[in-house]
Amino acid sequence: MKKLALTALATAIISTSVSAADLKVGVSMALFDDNFLTALRNGIEDAAEKQNVDVQIEDGKNEVGTQLNQIQNFIASGVDAIIVNPVDTDATVSMSSDAEAAGIPLIYVNRQPINIDMLPDNQAFVASNEVDSGTFQTQEVCRLLGGKGKVVVMMGELSNQAALQRTKDIHDVIETEECSGMEIVAEQTAEWSRVEGNDLMTNWLSAGLEFDAVISNNDEMAIGAIQALKASGRSMDSVVVAGIDATPDALAAMKAGDLDVTVYQSAVGQGAGALEAAVKLAQGEDVDQKVWVPFELVTPANLEEYLNK
């Protein structure tokens, strides 16, 4: 298959036998009530508007059954392509099978499908490589701690490949010689949620758990942890807090001196890339089955570069 260059993610589509304006794309998001996924959804909508593509975007409400029904409805309505941000990455085998049987191109975005290495030729995945996300994050925490200290880890949803990979990244970095003085003293899911991150941190503090750093699989849980830490009276200068996504709220927390590390992934770039890949496949063109949008480390030292992105 031809390689879709990263630099082409936001470029205009050159129509072939089918004009982009004649295409209808169905989009199923895992859920609407999530800051990063809202930015991703906006990226799809903006790219579709620029290319005059008709998109129908549905809220999966974080329910696998709801999302599977949405995909079936897209197929029944005869859309030209489908974009899916999976609720459960283990459910993507069924999604791929249904779309393939209907002959409709399918693009997974942001969350890696479990069948990533077995996708049909008219299916692809657009995201950032999660091997980098937790690695960049934890390496910076290691640097800030001087290679030693007690760490708590907040995991995303355990059904989500990104949560599993980001957590593996943390462990892999701590196993390196320069970071081997770091010790994970607690590791638990907070379901990507700010509220649950707050609750989990409150429980850890109530239990008297001692730690020097919080490494969170995303910014929302990190912000929840910060809220609980501040409510407990702990000085933010005494703990390193790291997240992933570089959401506007996370960047504001960093500017305020509460968040020490985050990792930028372009939600808009992923959304635009998914829409572009869907249009190209619907027009009979080839795309690479794995399209990576690079991660970038964000710290107070380079914060200003990201405040207006």
Protein backbone atom coordinates (compact mmCIF):
# COMPACT_ATOMS: atom_id res chain seq x y z
CA MET A 1 0.00 0.00 0.00
CA LYS A 2 1.19 3.54 -0.66
CA LYS A 3 2.49 5.46 2.30
CA LEU A 4 0.42 8.45 3.43
CA ALA A 5 3.02 11.00 4.54
CA LEU A 6 2.43 12.78 7.86
CA THR A 7 2.97 16.10 6.15
CA ALA A 8 -0.05 15.42 3.98
CA LEU A 9 -2.49 14.93 6.86
CA ALA A 10 -4.07 18.34 6.56
CA THR A 11 -3.76 18.85 2.81
CA ALA A 12 -6.72 19.13 0.48
CA ILE A 13 -8.02 16.01 -1.20
CA ILE A 14 -7.63 15.79 -4.95
CA SER A 15 -10.82 14.22 -6.23
CA THR A 16 -10.69 11.22 -8.51
CA SER A 17 -13.80 9.54 -9.85
CA VAL A 18 -15.83 10.55 -6.79
CA SER A 19 -15.91 14.14 -5.55
CA ALA A 20 -15.39 14.62 -1.82
CA ALA A 21 -18.55 16.73 -1.84
CA ASP A 22 -20.52 13.65 -2.90
CA LEU A 23 -19.30 11.55 0.02
CA LYS A 24 -21.02 10.76 3.30
CA VAL A 25 -18.92 9.59 6.24
CA GLY A 26 -20.31 8.06 9.42
CA VAL A 27 -18.32 8.74 12.61
CA SER A 28 -18.74 6.90 15.89
CA MET A 29 -16.90 8.46 18.84
CA ALA A 30 -16.33 6.49 22.05
CA LEU A 31 -17.96 9.33 23.97
CA PHE A 32 -18.57 13.06 23.61
CA ASP A 33 -17.95 13.94 27.28
CA ASP A 34 -14.14 13.94 27.12
CA ASN A 35 -11.90 16.96 26.53
CA PHE A 36 -9.40 15.27 24.22
CA LEU A 37 -12.05 13.40 22.23
CA THR A 38 -14.01 16.63 21.84
CA ALA A 39 -10.95 18.20 20.21
CA LEU A 40 -10.58 15.11 18.02
CA ARG A 41 -14.23 15.32 16.98
CA ASN A 42 -13.81 19.01 16.19
CA GLY A 43 -10.80 18.12 14.04
CA ILE A 44 -12.94 15.73 11.99
CA GLU A 45 -15.74 18.27 11.66
CA ASP A 46 -13.41 21.09 10.61
CA ALA A 47 -11.66 18.93 8.02
CA ALA A 48 -15.01 17.77 6.65
CA GLU A 49 -16.28 21.33 6.38
CA LYS A 50 -13.18 22.42 4.46
CA GLN A 51 -13.63 19.57 1.98
CA ASN A 52 -17.44 19.83 1.91
CA VAL A 53 -17.79 16.22 3.08
CA ASP A 54 -21.05 15.23 4.75
CA VAL A 55 -20.28 13.72 8.17
CA GLN A 56 -22.71 12.18 10.64
CA ILE A 57 -21.11 11.97 14.10
CA GLU A 58 -22.62 9.79 16.84
CA ASP A 59 -21.87 9.48 20.56
CA GLY A 60 -20.99 5.90 21.56
CA LYS A 61 -21.67 6.88 25.20
CA ASN A 62 -18.80 4.62 26.25
CA GLU A 63 -20.97 1.57 25.52
CA VAL A 64 -19.74 -1.16 23.17
CA GLY A 65 -23.26 -2.24 22.20
CA THR A 66 -24.28 1.30 21.35
CA GLN A 67 -21.22 1.76 19.15
CA LEU A 68 -21.70 -1.55 17.33
CA ASN A 69 -25.31 -0.54 16.59
CA GLN A 70 -24.14 2.80 15.24
CA ILE A 71 -21.76 1.07 12.85
CA GLN A 72 -24.53 -1.27 11.69
CA ASN A 73 -26.77 1.75 11.10
CA PHE A 74 -24.05 3.49 9.08
CA ILE A 75 -23.69 0.38 6.93
CA ALA A 76 -27.45 0.10 6.44
CA SER A 77 -27.69 3.76 5.42
CA GLY A 78 -25.01 3.28 2.76
CA VAL A 79 -22.31 5.67 3.94
CA ASP A 80 -19.17 5.86 1.80
CA ALA A 81 -16.78 5.41 4.73
CA ILE A 82 -16.81 4.97 8.51
CA ILE A 83 -14.52 6.48 11.16
CA VAL A 84 -14.45 4.84 14.58
CA ASN A 85 -12.91 5.92 17.87
CA PRO A 86 -13.45 2.58 19.64
CA VAL A 87 -15.07 2.27 23.06
CA ASP A 88 -13.35 -1.08 23.55
CA THR A 89 -10.38 -1.90 21.33
CA ASP A 90 -11.09 -5.62 21.80
CA ALA A 91 -14.37 -5.18 19.90
CA THR A 92 -12.74 -4.00 16.68
CA VAL A 93 -12.56 -7.46 15.08
CA SER A 94 -16.34 -7.45 14.74
CA MET A 95 -16.37 -3.86 13.45
CA SER A 96 -13.77 -4.64 10.79
CA SER A 97 -15.60 -7.77 9.72
CA ASP A 98 -18.95 -5.99 9.33
CA ALA A 99 -17.45 -3.11 7.33
CA GLU A 100 -15.43 -5.46 5.12
CA ALA A 101 -18.50 -7.56 4.35
CA ALA A 102 -20.33 -4.39 3.29
CA GLY A 103 -17.37 -3.17 1.22
CA ILE A 104 -17.19 0.10 3.16
CA PRO A 105 -13.81 1.62 4.11
CA LEU A 106 -13.22 1.86 7.86
CA ILE A 107 -10.77 4.15 9.67
CA TYR A 108 -9.90 3.71 13.34
CA VAL A 109 -8.71 6.88 15.03
CA ASN A 110 -6.73 7.51 18.24
CA ARG A 111 -7.35 4.13 19.90
CA GLN A 112 -5.48 1.21 18.38
CA PRO A 113 -7.67 -1.73 17.28
CA ILE A 114 -6.68 -5.16 18.58
CA ASN A 115 -6.61 -6.42 14.98
CA ILE A 116 -4.24 -3.68 13.81
CA ASP A 117 -1.99 -6.16 11.97
CA MET A 118 -4.90 -7.91 10.23
CA LEU A 119 -6.84 -5.00 8.78
CA PRO A 120 -8.32 -5.43 5.29
CA ASP A 121 -6.83 -3.30 2.52
CA ASN A 122 -9.61 -0.70 2.78
CA GLN A 123 -9.12 -0.12 6.51
CA ALA A 124 -6.54 1.96 8.38
CA PHE A 125 -5.53 3.41 11.74
CA VAL A 126 -4.63 7.06 12.40
CA ALA A 127 -3.14 8.00 15.77
CA SER A 128 0.03 8.81 17.67
CA ASN A 129 2.40 5.98 18.58
CA GLU A 130 1.70 5.17 22.23
CA VAL A 131 5.17 3.68 22.67
CA ASP A 132 6.37 7.30 22.70
CA SER A 133 3.73 8.84 24.98
CA GLY A 134 4.39 7.13 28.29
CA THR A 135 8.10 6.92 27.48
CA PHE A 136 8.54 10.68 27.00
CA GLN A 137 6.42 11.35 30.09
CA THR A 138 8.26 8.96 32.41
CA GLN A 139 11.73 9.89 31.20
CA GLU A 140 11.01 13.50 32.15
CA VAL A 141 9.66 12.46 35.57
CA CYS A 142 12.83 10.41 36.05
CA ARG A 143 14.94 13.45 35.21
CA LEU A 144 13.01 15.65 37.64
CA LEU A 145 13.36 13.07 40.43
CA GLY A 146 17.04 12.53 39.77
CA GLY A 147 16.39 8.89 38.94
CA LYS A 148 14.92 7.88 42.29
CA GLY A 149 11.68 8.22 44.24
CA LYS A 150 8.31 6.65 44.96
CA VAL A 151 5.71 6.82 42.19
CA VAL A 152 1.96 6.26 41.93
CA VAL A 153 0.44 5.43 38.53
CA MET A 154 -3.07 6.35 37.39
CA MET A 155 -4.20 4.11 34.56
CA GLY A 156 -6.90 4.75 31.97
CA GLU A 157 -9.60 2.23 31.12
CA LEU A 158 -8.11 -1.26 31.21
CA SER A 159 -10.05 -2.22 28.07
CA ASN A 160 -8.15 0.48 26.16
CA GLN A 161 -4.91 -0.26 24.33
CA ALA A 162 -3.56 3.23 25.00
CA ALA A 163 -3.87 2.77 28.75
CA LEU A 164 -2.10 -0.58 28.62
CA GLN A 165 0.71 0.68 26.38
CA ARG A 166 1.25 3.92 28.31
CA THR A 167 1.47 1.94 31.56
CA LYS A 168 3.92 -0.50 29.97
CA ASP A 169 6.00 2.49 28.86
CA ILE A 170 6.21 3.65 32.48
CA HIS A 171 7.45 0.26 33.64
CA ASP A 172 9.92 0.01 30.75
CA VAL A 173 11.49 3.37 31.60
CA ILE A 174 11.76 2.53 35.30
CA GLU A 175 13.57 -0.67 34.37
CA THR A 176 16.34 1.30 32.67
CA GLU A 177 19.57 1.81 34.61
CA GLU A 178 19.24 5.57 34.96
CA CYS A 179 15.70 5.33 36.38
CA SER A 180 16.03 2.13 38.40
CA GLY A 181 15.88 4.08 41.67
CA MET A 182 12.20 4.80 41.02
CA GLU A 183 9.63 2.54 42.67
CA ILE A 184 5.94 2.18 41.82
CA VAL A 185 4.11 2.03 45.17
CA ALA A 186 0.54 2.04 43.79
CA GLU A 187 -1.04 1.54 40.38
CA GLN A 188 -4.78 1.70 39.73
CA THR A 189 -7.27 2.74 37.08
CA ALA A 190 -9.21 6.00 37.30
CA GLU A 191 -11.00 5.38 33.99
CA TRP A 192 -9.54 8.46 32.21
CA SER A 193 -11.77 10.61 34.47
CA ARG A 194 -10.94 13.79 36.40
CA VAL A 195 -13.54 12.93 39.04
CA GLU A 196 -12.23 9.40 39.47
CA GLY A 197 -8.66 10.68 39.51
CA ASN A 198 -9.62 12.98 42.36
CA ASP A 199 -11.31 10.12 44.23
CA LEU A 200 -8.39 7.75 43.73
CA MET A 201 -5.86 10.30 44.95
CA THR A 202 -8.05 11.11 47.95
CA ASN A 203 -8.12 7.41 48.83
CA TRP A 204 -4.34 7.11 48.53
CA LEU A 205 -3.82 10.16 50.72
CA SER A 206 -6.33 8.91 53.29
CA ALA A 207 -4.44 5.62 53.43
CA GLY A 208 -1.23 7.48 54.27
CA LEU A 209 0.52 6.47 51.05
CA GLU A 210 3.85 8.25 50.56
CA PHE A 211 5.02 9.18 47.07
CA ASP A 212 7.13 11.69 45.20
CA ALA A 213 5.42 11.65 41.80
CA VAL A 214 2.10 10.96 40.09
CA ILE A 215 2.31 9.53 36.58
CA SER A 216 -1.09 9.57 34.91
CA ASN A 217 -2.10 7.99 31.60
CA ASN A 218 -3.89 11.23 30.70
CA ASP A 219 -4.29 14.85 31.76
CA GLU A 220 -7.82 14.52 33.11
CA MET A 221 -6.79 12.04 35.82
CA ALA A 222 -3.70 14.13 36.57
CA ILE A 223 -5.86 17.21 37.08
CA GLY A 224 -8.14 15.24 39.40
CA ALA A 225 -5.05 14.18 41.36
CA ILE A 226 -3.88 17.80 41.58
CA GLN A 227 -7.28 18.88 42.92
CA ALA A 228 -7.12 16.22 45.65
CA LEU A 229 -3.52 17.04 46.54
CA LYS A 230 -4.28 20.74 46.90
CA ALA A 231 -7.43 20.01 48.91
CA SER A 232 -5.32 17.94 51.31
CA GLY A 233 -2.96 20.85 51.81
CA ARG A 234 0.04 19.27 50.13
CA SER A 235 2.42 21.70 48.48
CA MET A 236 2.62 21.14 44.73
CA ASP A 237 6.35 21.88 44.98
CA SER A 238 6.73 18.59 46.89
CA VAL A 239 5.35 16.32 44.17
CA VAL A 240 5.90 15.83 40.44
CA VAL A 241 2.67 15.39 38.45
CA ALA A 242 2.67 14.14 34.85
CA GLY A 243 -0.13 13.66 32.35
CA ILE A 244 -0.60 13.07 28.62
CA ASP A 245 -2.58 14.98 25.93
CA ALA A 246 -1.66 18.65 26.57
CA THR A 247 -5.32 19.65 26.80
CA PRO A 248 -6.11 23.34 27.39
CA ASP A 249 -6.94 22.62 31.04
CA ALA A 250 -3.64 20.76 31.46
CA LEU A 251 -1.66 23.62 29.93
CA ALA A 252 -3.45 26.04 32.27
CA ALA A 253 -2.50 23.81 35.21
CA MET A 254 1.11 23.82 34.04
CA LYS A 255 1.10 27.60 33.71
CA ALA A 256 -0.22 27.79 37.28
CA GLY A 257 2.69 25.65 38.46
CA ASP A 258 0.62 22.58 39.35
CA LEU A 259 1.36 20.20 36.44
CA ASP A 260 5.00 19.44 35.66
CA VAL A 261 4.83 17.27 32.54
CA THR A 262 2.42 16.49 29.73
CA VAL A 263 2.77 15.08 26.21
CA TYR A 264 1.17 16.79 23.25
CA GLN A 265 -0.68 14.73 20.70
CA SER A 266 -2.56 16.60 18.03
CA ALA A 267 -6.22 15.73 18.37
CA VAL A 268 -6.95 18.04 15.44
CA GLY A 269 -4.22 16.38 13.36
CA GLN A 270 -5.56 12.92 14.11
CA GLY A 271 -9.11 13.99 13.26
CA ALA A 272 -8.02 15.60 9.99
CA GLY A 273 -5.88 12.59 9.14
CA ALA A 274 -8.75 10.17 9.77
CA LEU A 275 -11.10 12.18 7.57
CA GLU A 276 -8.51 12.42 4.81
CA ALA A 277 -7.83 8.67 4.90
CA ALA A 278 -11.59 7.95 4.80
CA VAL A 279 -12.05 10.18 1.76
CA LYS A 280 -9.07 8.71 -0.07
CA LEU A 281 -10.23 5.13 0.50
CA ALA A 282 -13.79 6.03 -0.54
CA GLN A 283 -12.34 7.48 -3.74
CA GLY A 284 -10.45 4.27 -4.44
CA GLU A 285 -7.00 5.53 -3.47
CA ASP A 286 -4.49 3.73 -1.26
CA VAL A 287 -3.29 4.89 2.15
CA ASP A 288 -0.84 3.47 4.64
CA GLN A 289 -2.62 1.31 7.20
CA LYS A 290 -0.76 2.99 10.08
CA VAL A 291 -0.54 6.78 10.01
CA TRP A 292 1.40 8.24 12.95
CA VAL A 293 1.02 11.81 14.19
CA PRO A 294 4.09 12.51 16.41
CA PHE A 295 3.96 13.05 20.18
CA GLU A 296 5.86 16.01 21.68
CA LEU A 297 7.01 16.50 25.29
CA VAL A 298 5.63 19.61 27.01
CA THR A 299 7.22 21.11 30.12
CA PRO A 300 7.21 24.60 31.67
CA ALA A 301 10.34 25.32 29.60
CA ASN A 302 8.50 25.07 26.25
CA LEU A 303 4.92 25.66 27.44
CA GLU A 304 4.45 28.90 25.49
CA GLU A 305 4.82 27.04 22.19
CA TYR A 306 1.68 25.01 22.94
CA LEU A 307 -0.66 27.52 24.58
CA ASN A 308 -2.09 28.67 21.26
CA LYS A 309 -2.03 25.39 19.33
